[in-house]
Amino acid sequence: MTRKRRKDDSGDSGAVAPWMNTYADMVTLLLCFFVLLFSFATIDAHKFEAIVRSLQGSLGVLDSGVTVEIESLEQIFPGVQNFTQDDELDVVKNKVELFIKESQLENNFTLILNERGLLIRMLDATLFDSGKAEIREDSKYIIDGIADAIKETENYIRIEGHTDNVPINTFRYPSNWELSTARAVNVLKYLIENHGVEPKRLSAVGYGEYHPIDTNETPEGRQNNRRVDIMIIRTNKNGS
């Protein structure tokens, strides 16, 4: 008579294989290792995102495992999104700097990258004749060069017109408010009509003489105050 083999009551067919515990410990240690590297290293946002995505698959294999999402890591490390923004704005800044150098316009421009975003500042004489708001034909290539760099981003862009404190009183421009606003609007319209920049990304404002960056007591100071600022505004992930 053939004996039936008795089942081992101590076993559980639904139990997790012993090697899975070791695997889970190893993945946890790897995650801790990468977090430690993150805390000490200079972050390359794109490489960091690639690392996180590779960990997603590993952690998600385990029963009842938790998949690490990019969004949750941004809450833990809020600087990750800012590093990506800096990368994008640095690309734009480098392209504008190259264009300025090749065009020999170093004395006409100032570029500032700060917490607000990237500021492209140009003297009014770069684009306009005195007391006028129409972009000169021989200066349109300058806006063309800037537009090529601007189109690399999807950020909102504010164009600001500024004057010195010398009064103007013409039929077309009764004061510096109208002159500074008209200059900003003309740059905005040129970007839309000639380079297809989305209108919803753009805004224009004129500040007249009320936001000086230099003294109005000297010719050099007044020259610095007469300017057009193109501000590429830093945005977070939800676009605000």
C-alpha atoms as a PDB file:
ATOM      1  CA  MET A   1       0.000   0.000   0.000  1.00  0.00           C
ATOM      2  CA  THR A   2       1.319   3.377  -0.963  1.00  0.00           C
ATOM      3  CA  ARG A   3       1.580   5.788   1.887  1.00  0.00           C
ATOM      4  CA  LYS A   4       0.338   9.315   1.375  1.00  0.00           C
ATOM      5  CA  ARG A   5       2.920  11.943   2.088  1.00  0.00           C
ATOM      6  CA  ARG A   6       1.742  14.116   4.948  1.00  0.00           C
ATOM      7  CA  LYS A   7       1.767  17.819   4.279  1.00  0.00           C
ATOM      8  CA  ASP A   8       4.022  19.922   6.414  1.00  0.00           C
ATOM      9  CA  ASP A   9       1.569  21.888   8.538  1.00  0.00           C
ATOM     10  CA  SER A  10       4.285  24.312   9.493  1.00  0.00           C
ATOM     11  CA  GLY A  11       4.507  25.686   5.941  1.00  0.00           C
ATOM     12  CA  ASP A  12       2.348  28.385   4.433  1.00  0.00           C
ATOM     13  CA  SER A  13       1.986  28.392   0.672  1.00  0.00           C
ATOM     14  CA  GLY A  14       1.226  32.114   0.727  1.00  0.00           C
ATOM     15  CA  ALA A  15       4.308  33.125   2.706  1.00  0.00           C
ATOM     16  CA  VAL A  16       6.895  35.469   1.214  1.00  0.00           C
ATOM     17  CA  ALA A  17      10.101  33.739   0.190  1.00  0.00           C
ATOM     18  CA  PRO A  18      12.946  34.339   2.688  1.00  0.00           C
ATOM     19  CA  TRP A  19      15.135  36.009   0.068  1.00  0.00           C
ATOM     20  CA  MET A  20      12.551  38.775  -0.331  1.00  0.00           C
ATOM     21  CA  ASN A  21      13.340  40.086   3.152  1.00  0.00           C
ATOM     22  CA  THR A  22      17.010  40.368   2.262  1.00  0.00           C
ATOM     23  CA  TYR A  23      16.105  42.043  -1.021  1.00  0.00           C
ATOM     24  CA  ALA A  24      13.877  44.569   0.750  1.00  0.00           C
ATOM     25  CA  ASP A  25      16.671  45.401   3.210  1.00  0.00           C
ATOM     26  CA  MET A  26      19.135  45.879   0.359  1.00  0.00           C
ATOM     27  CA  VAL A  27      16.824  48.244  -1.542  1.00  0.00           C
ATOM     28  CA  THR A  28      16.164  50.252   1.627  1.00  0.00           C
ATOM     29  CA  LEU A  29      19.902  50.584   2.242  1.00  0.00           C
ATOM     30  CA  LEU A  30      20.422  51.688  -1.358  1.00  0.00           C
ATOM     31  CA  LEU A  31      17.764  54.357  -0.958  1.00  0.00           C
ATOM     32  CA  CYS A  32      19.437  55.616   2.223  1.00  0.00           C
ATOM     33  CA  PHE A  33      22.765  55.642   0.398  1.00  0.00           C
ATOM     34  CA  PHE A  34      21.407  57.778  -2.442  1.00  0.00           C
ATOM     35  CA  VAL A  35      19.707  60.167  -0.014  1.00  0.00           C
ATOM     36  CA  LEU A  36      23.043  60.548   1.786  1.00  0.00           C
ATOM     37  CA  LEU A  37      24.809  61.279  -1.496  1.00  0.00           C
ATOM     38  CA  PHE A  38      22.084  63.771  -2.317  1.00  0.00           C
ATOM     39  CA  SER A  39      22.674  65.668   0.923  1.00  0.00           C
ATOM     40  CA  PHE A  40      26.397  66.101   0.192  1.00  0.00           C
ATOM     41  CA  ALA A  41      26.522  66.462  -3.565  1.00  0.00           C
ATOM     42  CA  THR A  42      25.972  69.348  -5.948  1.00  0.00           C
ATOM     43  CA  ILE A  43      22.717  68.317  -7.574  1.00  0.00           C
ATOM     44  CA  ASP A  44      22.234  67.734 -11.260  1.00  0.00           C
ATOM     45  CA  ALA A  45      18.431  67.709 -11.401  1.00  0.00           C
ATOM     46  CA  HIS A  46      18.177  65.587 -14.534  1.00  0.00           C
ATOM     47  CA  LYS A  47      20.529  62.904 -13.206  1.00  0.00           C
ATOM     48  CA  PHE A  48      18.767  62.907  -9.847  1.00  0.00           C
ATOM     49  CA  GLU A  49      15.401  62.402 -11.513  1.00  0.00           C
ATOM     50  CA  ALA A  50      16.805  59.468 -13.486  1.00  0.00           C
ATOM     51  CA  ILE A  51      18.036  57.873 -10.239  1.00  0.00           C
ATOM     52  CA  VAL A  52      14.640  58.284  -8.607  1.00  0.00           C
ATOM     53  CA  ARG A  53      12.850  56.753 -11.566  1.00  0.00           C
ATOM     54  CA  SER A  54      15.164  53.743 -11.467  1.00  0.00           C
ATOM     55  CA  LEU A  55      14.346  53.301  -7.777  1.00  0.00           C
ATOM     56  CA  GLN A  56      10.625  53.452  -8.497  1.00  0.00           C
ATOM     57  CA  GLY A  57      10.673  50.123 -10.283  1.00  0.00           C
ATOM     58  CA  SER A  58      12.819  48.452  -7.645  1.00  0.00           C
ATOM     59  CA  LEU A  59      10.732  49.510  -4.682  1.00  0.00           C
ATOM     60  CA  GLY A  60       7.436  48.838  -6.409  1.00  0.00           C
ATOM     61  CA  VAL A  61       8.188  45.111  -6.874  1.00  0.00           C
ATOM     62  CA  LEU A  62       7.576  44.145  -3.250  1.00  0.00           C
ATOM     63  CA  ASP A  63       4.157  43.105  -1.938  1.00  0.00           C
ATOM     64  CA  SER A  64       2.586  46.118  -0.260  1.00  0.00           C
ATOM     65  CA  GLY A  65       5.644  48.088  -1.332  1.00  0.00           C
ATOM     66  CA  VAL A  66       5.580  51.859  -1.655  1.00  0.00           C
ATOM     67  CA  THR A  67       6.670  53.435  -4.897  1.00  0.00           C
ATOM     68  CA  VAL A  68       8.674  56.621  -4.485  1.00  0.00           C
ATOM     69  CA  GLU A  69       7.199  59.419  -6.589  1.00  0.00           C
ATOM     70  CA  ILE A  70       9.066  62.451  -7.921  1.00  0.00           C
ATOM     71  CA  GLU A  71       6.430  64.730  -6.410  1.00  0.00           C
ATOM     72  CA  SER A  72       6.911  63.351  -2.893  1.00  0.00           C
ATOM     73  CA  LEU A  73      10.675  63.799  -3.144  1.00  0.00           C
ATOM     74  CA  GLU A  74      10.177  67.405  -4.209  1.00  0.00           C
ATOM     75  CA  GLN A  75       8.249  67.927  -0.983  1.00  0.00           C
ATOM     76  CA  ILE A  76      11.159  66.484   0.998  1.00  0.00           C
ATOM     77  CA  PHE A  77      13.785  68.281  -1.117  1.00  0.00           C
ATOM     78  CA  PRO A  78      12.072  71.446  -2.430  1.00  0.00           C
ATOM     79  CA  GLY A  79      15.294  72.567  -4.105  1.00  0.00           C
ATOM     80  CA  VAL A  80      15.011  69.918  -6.834  1.00  0.00           C
ATOM     81  CA  GLN A  81      12.536  71.959  -8.895  1.00  0.00           C
ATOM     82  CA  ASN A  82      14.597  75.128  -8.482  1.00  0.00           C
ATOM     83  CA  PHE A  83      17.675  73.356  -9.812  1.00  0.00           C
ATOM     84  CA  THR A  84      15.718  72.429 -12.948  1.00  0.00           C
ATOM     85  CA  GLN A  85      14.622  76.052 -13.326  1.00  0.00           C
ATOM     86  CA  ASP A  86      18.200  77.235 -12.925  1.00  0.00           C
ATOM     87  CA  ASP A  87      19.306  74.830 -15.646  1.00  0.00           C
ATOM     88  CA  GLU A  88      16.704  76.214 -18.072  1.00  0.00           C
ATOM     89  CA  LEU A  89      17.393  79.859 -17.263  1.00  0.00           C
ATOM     90  CA  ASP A  90      21.147  79.270 -17.469  1.00  0.00           C
ATOM     91  CA  VAL A  91      20.688  77.967 -21.009  1.00  0.00           C
ATOM     92  CA  VAL A  92      18.802  81.132 -21.964  1.00  0.00           C
ATOM     93  CA  LYS A  93      21.352  83.351 -20.221  1.00  0.00           C
ATOM     94  CA  ASN A  94      24.258  81.660 -22.001  1.00  0.00           C
ATOM     95  CA  LYS A  95      22.595  82.036 -25.396  1.00  0.00           C
ATOM     96  CA  VAL A  96      21.867  85.724 -24.827  1.00  0.00           C
ATOM     97  CA  GLU A  97      25.425  86.313 -23.593  1.00  0.00           C
ATOM     98  CA  LEU A  98      26.812  84.646 -26.711  1.00  0.00           C
ATOM     99  CA  PHE A  99      24.585  86.763 -28.956  1.00  0.00           C
ATOM    100  CA  ILE A 100      25.613  89.960 -27.136  1.00  0.00           C
ATOM    101  CA  LYS A 101      29.291  89.100 -27.460  1.00  0.00           C
ATOM    102  CA  GLU A 102      29.045  88.208 -31.143  1.00  0.00           C
ATOM    103  CA  SER A 103      27.118  91.442 -31.804  1.00  0.00           C
ATOM    104  CA  GLN A 104      29.597  93.503 -29.740  1.00  0.00           C
ATOM    105  CA  LEU A 105      26.812  94.917 -27.570  1.00  0.00           C
ATOM    106  CA  GLU A 106      28.403  94.316 -24.163  1.00  0.00           C
ATOM    107  CA  ASN A 107      28.065  97.993 -23.186  1.00  0.00           C
ATOM    108  CA  ASN A 108      24.337  98.004 -23.924  1.00  0.00           C
ATOM    109  CA  PHE A 109      23.229  94.983 -21.901  1.00  0.00           C
ATOM    110  CA  THR A 110      23.138  93.705 -18.339  1.00  0.00           C
ATOM    111  CA  LEU A 111      22.049  90.144 -17.475  1.00  0.00           C
ATOM    112  CA  ILE A 112      21.013  89.243 -13.931  1.00  0.00           C
ATOM    113  CA  LEU A 113      19.905  85.778 -12.760  1.00  0.00           C
ATOM    114  CA  ASN A 114      18.252  85.918  -9.341  1.00  0.00           C
ATOM    115  CA  GLU A 115      15.312  84.590  -7.322  1.00  0.00           C
ATOM    116  CA  ARG A 116      12.821  86.413  -9.565  1.00  0.00           C
ATOM    117  CA  GLY A 117      14.195  84.869 -12.735  1.00  0.00           C
ATOM    118  CA  LEU A 118      16.416  86.081 -15.566  1.00  0.00           C
ATOM    119  CA  LEU A 119      16.574  89.825 -16.199  1.00  0.00           C
ATOM    120  CA  ILE A 120      17.715  90.984 -19.647  1.00  0.00           C
ATOM    121  CA  ARG A 121      18.329  94.732 -19.363  1.00  0.00           C
ATOM    122  CA  MET A 122      19.141  96.926 -22.355  1.00  0.00           C
ATOM    123  CA  LEU A 123      19.652 100.665 -22.718  1.00  0.00           C
ATOM    124  CA  ASP A 124      16.865 102.438 -24.584  1.00  0.00           C
ATOM    125  CA  ALA A 125      19.274 103.733 -27.243  1.00  0.00           C
ATOM    126  CA  THR A 126      19.853 100.109 -28.227  1.00  0.00           C
ATOM    127  CA  LEU A 127      16.357 100.008 -29.756  1.00  0.00           C
ATOM    128  CA  PHE A 128      14.839 103.489 -29.865  1.00  0.00           C
ATOM    129  CA  ASP A 129      15.543 107.032 -30.943  1.00  0.00           C
ATOM    130  CA  SER A 130      15.224 109.709 -28.273  1.00  0.00           C
ATOM    131  CA  GLY A 131      11.609 110.481 -27.404  1.00  0.00           C
ATOM    132  CA  LYS A 132      10.253 107.722 -29.673  1.00  0.00           C
ATOM    133  CA  ALA A 133       8.830 104.253 -29.100  1.00  0.00           C
ATOM    134  CA  GLU A 134       9.174 102.638 -32.530  1.00  0.00           C
ATOM    135  CA  ILE A 135      11.880  99.981 -32.733  1.00  0.00           C
ATOM    136  CA  ARG A 136      14.497 101.127 -35.241  1.00  0.00           C
ATOM    137  CA  GLU A 137      14.889  98.962 -38.333  1.00  0.00           C
ATOM    138  CA  ASP A 138      18.614  98.593 -37.721  1.00  0.00           C
ATOM    139  CA  SER A 139      17.915  97.347 -34.177  1.00  0.00           C
ATOM    140  CA  LYS A 140      15.327  94.671 -34.864  1.00  0.00           C
ATOM    141  CA  TYR A 141      18.022  92.022 -35.185  1.00  0.00           C
ATOM    142  CA  ILE A 142      18.688  92.557 -31.463  1.00  0.00           C
ATOM    143  CA  ILE A 143      15.155  91.526 -30.518  1.00  0.00           C
ATOM    144  CA  ASP A 144      15.498  88.649 -32.983  1.00  0.00           C
ATOM    145  CA  GLY A 145      18.568  87.372 -31.139  1.00  0.00           C
ATOM    146  CA  ILE A 146      16.874  87.622 -27.750  1.00  0.00           C
ATOM    147  CA  ALA A 147      13.718  85.955 -29.078  1.00  0.00           C
ATOM    148  CA  ASP A 148      15.681  82.914 -30.239  1.00  0.00           C
ATOM    149  CA  ALA A 149      16.800  82.364 -26.643  1.00  0.00           C
ATOM    150  CA  ILE A 150      13.441  83.198 -25.049  1.00  0.00           C
ATOM    151  CA  LYS A 151      11.700  80.526 -27.101  1.00  0.00           C
ATOM    152  CA  GLU A 152      13.745  77.901 -25.229  1.00  0.00           C
ATOM    153  CA  THR A 153      11.468  78.329 -22.187  1.00  0.00           C
ATOM    154  CA  GLU A 154       7.762  78.284 -21.405  1.00  0.00           C
ATOM    155  CA  ASN A 155       8.089  80.857 -18.629  1.00  0.00           C
ATOM    156  CA  TYR A 156       6.033  83.998 -18.362  1.00  0.00           C
ATOM    157  CA  ILE A 157       7.815  87.105 -19.610  1.00  0.00           C
ATOM    158  CA  ARG A 158       7.254  90.672 -18.452  1.00  0.00           C
ATOM    159  CA  ILE A 159       8.576  93.573 -20.512  1.00  0.00           C
ATOM    160  CA  GLU A 160       9.174  96.768 -18.541  1.00  0.00           C
ATOM    161  CA  GLY A 161       9.761 100.232 -19.971  1.00  0.00           C
ATOM    162  CA  HIS A 162      11.685 102.872 -17.982  1.00  0.00           C
ATOM    163  CA  THR A 163      12.736 106.481 -18.605  1.00  0.00           C
ATOM    164  CA  ASP A 164      14.816 109.122 -16.875  1.00  0.00           C
ATOM    165  CA  ASN A 165      13.208 112.085 -15.126  1.00  0.00           C
ATOM    166  CA  VAL A 166      13.484 114.511 -18.044  1.00  0.00           C
ATOM    167  CA  PRO A 167       9.881 115.504 -18.862  1.00  0.00           C
ATOM    168  CA  ILE A 168       8.312 114.827 -22.246  1.00  0.00           C
ATOM    169  CA  ASN A 169       5.149 116.532 -23.443  1.00  0.00           C
ATOM    170  CA  THR A 170       4.146 115.721 -26.999  1.00  0.00           C
ATOM    171  CA  PHE A 171       0.799 114.969 -28.601  1.00  0.00           C
ATOM    172  CA  ARG A 172       1.653 111.269 -28.752  1.00  0.00           C
ATOM    173  CA  TYR A 173       3.458 111.008 -25.418  1.00  0.00           C
ATOM    174  CA  PRO A 174       2.101 113.517 -22.902  1.00  0.00           C
ATOM    175  CA  SER A 175       4.416 112.124 -20.208  1.00  0.00           C
ATOM    176  CA  ASN A 176       7.041 109.487 -19.525  1.00  0.00           C
ATOM    177  CA  TRP A 177       4.262 107.084 -18.528  1.00  0.00           C
ATOM    178  CA  GLU A 178       3.032 106.883 -22.110  1.00  0.00           C
ATOM    179  CA  LEU A 179       6.527 106.716 -23.604  1.00  0.00           C
ATOM    180  CA  SER A 180       7.750 103.913 -21.338  1.00  0.00           C
ATOM    181  CA  THR A 181       4.544 101.918 -21.797  1.00  0.00           C
ATOM    182  CA  ALA A 182       4.573 102.300 -25.591  1.00  0.00           C
ATOM    183  CA  ARG A 183       8.155 101.032 -25.770  1.00  0.00           C
ATOM    184  CA  ALA A 184       7.343  97.962 -23.686  1.00  0.00           C
ATOM    185  CA  VAL A 185       4.229  97.216 -25.743  1.00  0.00           C
ATOM    186  CA  ASN A 186       6.109  97.549 -29.037  1.00  0.00           C
ATOM    187  CA  VAL A 187       8.711  95.016 -27.911  1.00  0.00           C
ATOM    188  CA  LEU A 188       5.902  92.690 -26.815  1.00  0.00           C
ATOM    189  CA  LYS A 189       4.084  93.007 -30.151  1.00  0.00           C
ATOM    190  CA  TYR A 190       7.311  92.369 -32.061  1.00  0.00           C
ATOM    191  CA  LEU A 191       7.862  89.099 -30.173  1.00  0.00           C
ATOM    192  CA  ILE A 192       4.316  87.975 -30.960  1.00  0.00           C
ATOM    193  CA  GLU A 193       4.105  89.087 -34.581  1.00  0.00           C
ATOM    194  CA  ASN A 194       7.611  88.165 -35.723  1.00  0.00           C
ATOM    195  CA  HIS A 195       8.541  85.215 -33.509  1.00  0.00           C
ATOM    196  CA  GLY A 196       5.274  83.567 -32.563  1.00  0.00           C
ATOM    197  CA  VAL A 197       5.747  83.906 -28.808  1.00  0.00           C
ATOM    198  CA  GLU A 198       2.436  83.000 -27.159  1.00  0.00           C
ATOM    199  CA  PRO A 199       0.586  86.177 -26.109  1.00  0.00           C
ATOM    200  CA  LYS A 200      -0.589  84.543 -22.879  1.00  0.00           C
ATOM    201  CA  ARG A 201       3.055  84.300 -21.767  1.00  0.00           C
ATOM    202  CA  LEU A 202       3.675  88.026 -22.204  1.00  0.00           C
ATOM    203  CA  SER A 203       2.835  91.208 -20.342  1.00  0.00           C
ATOM    204  CA  ALA A 204       4.028  94.795 -20.728  1.00  0.00           C
ATOM    205  CA  VAL A 205       4.231  97.635 -18.238  1.00  0.00           C
ATOM    206  CA  GLY A 206       5.609 101.177 -18.232  1.00  0.00           C
ATOM    207  CA  TYR A 207       7.108 102.663 -15.076  1.00  0.00           C
ATOM    208  CA  GLY A 208       8.036 106.098 -16.382  1.00  0.00           C
ATOM    209  CA  GLU A 209      10.861 107.617 -14.339  1.00  0.00           C
ATOM    210  CA  TYR A 210       9.725 106.081 -11.059  1.00  0.00           C
ATOM    211  CA  HIS A 211      11.944 102.983 -10.906  1.00  0.00           C
ATOM    212  CA  PRO A 212      15.452 104.407 -11.424  1.00  0.00           C
ATOM    213  CA  ILE A 213      18.529 102.225 -10.999  1.00  0.00           C
ATOM    214  CA  ASP A 214      20.947 105.172 -11.014  1.00  0.00           C
ATOM    215  CA  THR A 215      21.028 108.867 -10.235  1.00  0.00           C
ATOM    216  CA  ASN A 216      19.212 111.300 -12.505  1.00  0.00           C
ATOM    217  CA  GLU A 217      21.703 114.037 -11.630  1.00  0.00           C
ATOM    218  CA  THR A 218      24.276 113.049 -14.272  1.00  0.00           C
ATOM    219  CA  PRO A 219      24.079 112.235 -18.002  1.00  0.00           C
ATOM    220  CA  GLU A 220      25.519 108.770 -17.345  1.00  0.00           C
ATOM    221  CA  GLY A 221      22.961 108.057 -14.634  1.00  0.00           C
ATOM    222  CA  ARG A 222      20.055 109.202 -16.788  1.00  0.00           C
ATOM    223  CA  GLN A 223      21.334 107.012 -19.621  1.00  0.00           C
ATOM    224  CA  ASN A 224      21.288 103.973 -17.330  1.00  0.00           C
ATOM    225  CA  ASN A 225      17.745 104.748 -16.205  1.00  0.00           C
ATOM    226  CA  ARG A 226      16.433 104.882 -19.786  1.00  0.00           C
ATOM    227  CA  ARG A 227      16.073 101.178 -20.412  1.00  0.00           C
ATOM    228  CA  VAL A 228      13.886  98.228 -21.340  1.00  0.00           C
ATOM    229  CA  ASP A 229      13.897  95.219 -19.018  1.00  0.00           C
ATOM    230  CA  ILE A 230      12.821  91.788 -20.235  1.00  0.00           C
ATOM    231  CA  MET A 231      12.100  89.651 -17.188  1.00  0.00           C
ATOM    232  CA  ILE A 232      11.813  85.882 -17.698  1.00  0.00           C
ATOM    233  CA  ILE A 233       9.933  85.000 -14.546  1.00  0.00           C
ATOM    234  CA  ARG A 234      10.917  81.952 -12.545  1.00  0.00           C
ATOM    235  CA  THR A 235       7.978  79.571 -12.209  1.00  0.00           C
ATOM    236  CA  ASN A 236       7.360  76.500 -10.099  1.00  0.00           C
ATOM    237  CA  LYS A 237       5.994  73.202 -11.342  1.00  0.00           C
ATOM    238  CA  ASN A 238       2.336  74.230 -11.334  1.00  0.00           C
ATOM    239  CA  GLY A 239       3.157  77.283 -13.432  1.00  0.00           C
ATOM    240  CA  SER A 240       2.486  79.924 -10.784  1.00  0.00           C
END
